[in-house]
C-alpha atoms as a PDB file:
ATOM      1  CA  UNK A   1       6.377 -10.541 -19.014  1.00  0.00           C
ATOM      2  CA  UNK A   2       6.654 -14.244 -18.212  1.00  0.00           C
ATOM      3  CA  UNK A   3       2.761 -14.538 -18.019  1.00  0.00           C
ATOM      4  CA  UNK A   4       2.230 -13.059 -21.372  1.00  0.00           C
ATOM      5  CA  UNK A   5       4.818 -15.277 -22.818  1.00  0.00           C
ATOM      6  CA  UNK A   6       3.472 -18.547 -21.557  1.00  0.00           C
ATOM      7  CA  UNK A   7       1.793 -19.075 -25.010  1.00  0.00           C
ATOM      8  CA  UNK A   8       4.019 -17.023 -26.981  1.00  0.00           C
ATOM      9  CA  UNK A   9       3.866 -13.455 -27.787  1.00  0.00           C
ATOM     10  CA  UNK A  10       5.511 -10.672 -29.924  1.00  0.00           C
ATOM     11  CA  UNK A  11       7.253  -7.727 -28.503  1.00  0.00           C
ATOM     12  CA  UNK A  12       4.395  -5.369 -29.153  1.00  0.00           C
ATOM     13  CA  UNK A  13       1.911  -7.709 -27.116  1.00  0.00           C
ATOM     14  CA  UNK A  14       4.344  -8.292 -24.238  1.00  0.00           C
ATOM     15  CA  UNK A  15       4.972  -4.219 -24.046  1.00  0.00           C
ATOM     16  CA  UNK A  16       1.345  -3.359 -23.834  1.00  0.00           C
ATOM     17  CA  UNK A  17       0.460  -6.244 -21.547  1.00  0.00           C
ATOM     18  CA  UNK A  18       3.250  -5.399 -19.220  1.00  0.00           C
ATOM     19  CA  UNK A  19       2.711  -1.589 -19.612  1.00  0.00           C
ATOM     20  CA  UNK A  20       6.297  -0.660 -20.285  1.00  0.00           C
ATOM     21  CA  UNK A  21       8.122   1.463 -22.770  1.00  0.00           C
ATOM     22  CA  UNK A  22      10.150  -0.083 -25.591  1.00  0.00           C
ATOM     23  CA  UNK A  23      13.439   0.580 -23.983  1.00  0.00           C
ATOM     24  CA  UNK A  24      12.151  -1.049 -20.879  1.00  0.00           C
ATOM     25  CA  UNK A  25      11.057  -4.126 -22.917  1.00  0.00           C
ATOM     26  CA  UNK A  26      14.438  -4.341 -24.665  1.00  0.00           C
ATOM     27  CA  UNK A  27      16.269  -4.249 -21.121  1.00  0.00           C
ATOM     28  CA  UNK A  28      14.127  -6.940 -19.526  1.00  0.00           C
ATOM     29  CA  UNK A  29      13.558  -9.030 -22.468  1.00  0.00           C
ATOM     30  CA  UNK A  30      17.360  -9.511 -23.030  1.00  0.00           C
ATOM     31  CA  UNK A  31      17.862 -10.128 -19.331  1.00  0.00           C
ATOM     32  CA  UNK A  32      15.308 -12.932 -19.386  1.00  0.00           C
ATOM     33  CA  UNK A  33      16.627 -14.334 -22.673  1.00  0.00           C
ATOM     34  CA  UNK A  34      20.238 -14.192 -21.562  1.00  0.00           C
ATOM     35  CA  UNK A  35      19.321 -16.007 -18.175  1.00  0.00           C
ATOM     36  CA  UNK A  36      17.134 -18.729 -20.134  1.00  0.00           C
ATOM     37  CA  UNK A  37      13.827 -17.717 -18.942  1.00  0.00           C
ATOM     38  CA  UNK A  38      12.400 -16.819 -22.339  1.00  0.00           C
ATOM     39  CA  UNK A  39      13.276 -18.215 -25.852  1.00  0.00           C
ATOM     40  CA  UNK A  40      13.221 -16.181 -29.034  1.00  0.00           C
ATOM     41  CA  UNK A  41      11.316 -18.365 -31.655  1.00  0.00           C
ATOM     42  CA  UNK A  42      11.159 -17.459 -35.431  1.00  0.00           C
ATOM     43  CA  UNK A  43       7.995 -18.404 -36.681  1.00  0.00           C
ATOM     44  CA  UNK A  44       8.234 -16.728 -40.051  1.00  0.00           C
ATOM     45  CA  UNK A  45      10.157 -14.090 -41.820  1.00  0.00           C
ATOM     46  CA  UNK A  46      10.527 -11.711 -40.190  1.00  0.00           C
ATOM     47  CA  UNK A  47       7.989 -12.833 -37.435  1.00  0.00           C
ATOM     48  CA  UNK A  48       9.422 -13.607 -34.109  1.00  0.00           C
ATOM     49  CA  UNK A  49       7.627 -14.620 -30.826  1.00  0.00           C
ATOM     50  CA  UNK A  50       8.813 -14.856 -27.436  1.00  0.00           C
ATOM     51  CA  UNK A  51       8.007 -18.028 -25.346  1.00  0.00           C
ATOM     52  CA  UNK A  52       8.629 -18.792 -21.710  1.00  0.00           C
ATOM     53  CA  UNK A  53      11.096 -21.837 -21.240  1.00  0.00           C
ATOM     54  CA  UNK A  54      10.738 -24.406 -18.308  1.00  0.00           C
ATOM     55  CA  UNK A  55      13.090 -22.449 -16.208  1.00  0.00           C
ATOM     56  CA  UNK A  56      10.764 -19.262 -16.719  1.00  0.00           C
ATOM     57  CA  UNK A  57       7.778 -21.330 -15.730  1.00  0.00           C
ATOM     58  CA  UNK A  58       9.517 -22.408 -12.541  1.00  0.00           C
ATOM     59  CA  UNK A  59      10.630 -18.738 -11.954  1.00  0.00           C
ATOM     60  CA  UNK A  60       6.933 -17.613 -12.388  1.00  0.00           C
ATOM     61  CA  UNK A  61       5.613 -20.336 -10.061  1.00  0.00           C
ATOM     62  CA  UNK A  62       8.168 -19.354  -7.437  1.00  0.00           C
ATOM     63  CA  UNK A  63       7.295 -15.562  -7.639  1.00  0.00           C
ATOM     64  CA  UNK A  64       3.555 -16.441  -7.340  1.00  0.00           C
ATOM     65  CA  UNK A  65       4.204 -18.508  -4.324  1.00  0.00           C
ATOM     66  CA  UNK A  66       6.228 -15.772  -2.815  1.00  0.00           C
ATOM     67  CA  UNK A  67       3.630 -13.211  -3.359  1.00  0.00           C
ATOM     68  CA  UNK A  68       1.061 -15.575  -1.739  1.00  0.00           C
ATOM     69  CA  UNK A  69       3.257 -16.003   1.249  1.00  0.00           C
ATOM     70  CA  UNK A  70       3.748 -12.237   1.638  1.00  0.00           C
ATOM     71  CA  UNK A  71       0.095 -11.616   1.273  1.00  0.00           C
ATOM     72  CA  UNK A  72      -0.796 -14.060   3.809  1.00  0.00           C
ATOM     73  CA  UNK A  73       1.904 -12.687   6.283  1.00  0.00           C
ATOM     74  CA  UNK A  74       0.635  -9.095   5.661  1.00  0.00           C
ATOM     75  CA  UNK A  75      -3.132 -10.149   6.410  1.00  0.00           C
ATOM     76  CA  UNK A  76      -1.875 -12.154   9.597  1.00  0.00           C
ATOM     77  CA  UNK A  77      -0.060  -8.982  10.884  1.00  0.00           C
ATOM     78  CA  UNK A  78      -3.477  -6.927  10.795  1.00  0.00           C
END
């Protein structure tokens, strides 16, 4: 969801890109908004887009770093 919202995206685009149901989208989108990782931006009436905040970009970078470390560790154990 954070990657899709880097350049701004609507609910439908996020939902399909993240391969989730509408109820899942609502749950996680509300969580990310309430924690300041995504902003709701009104670009028209009634058009709304969702954009990742600086905190969201920082979170995304941390997640990517953690995944790289876990992947490297997993390969080292083979």
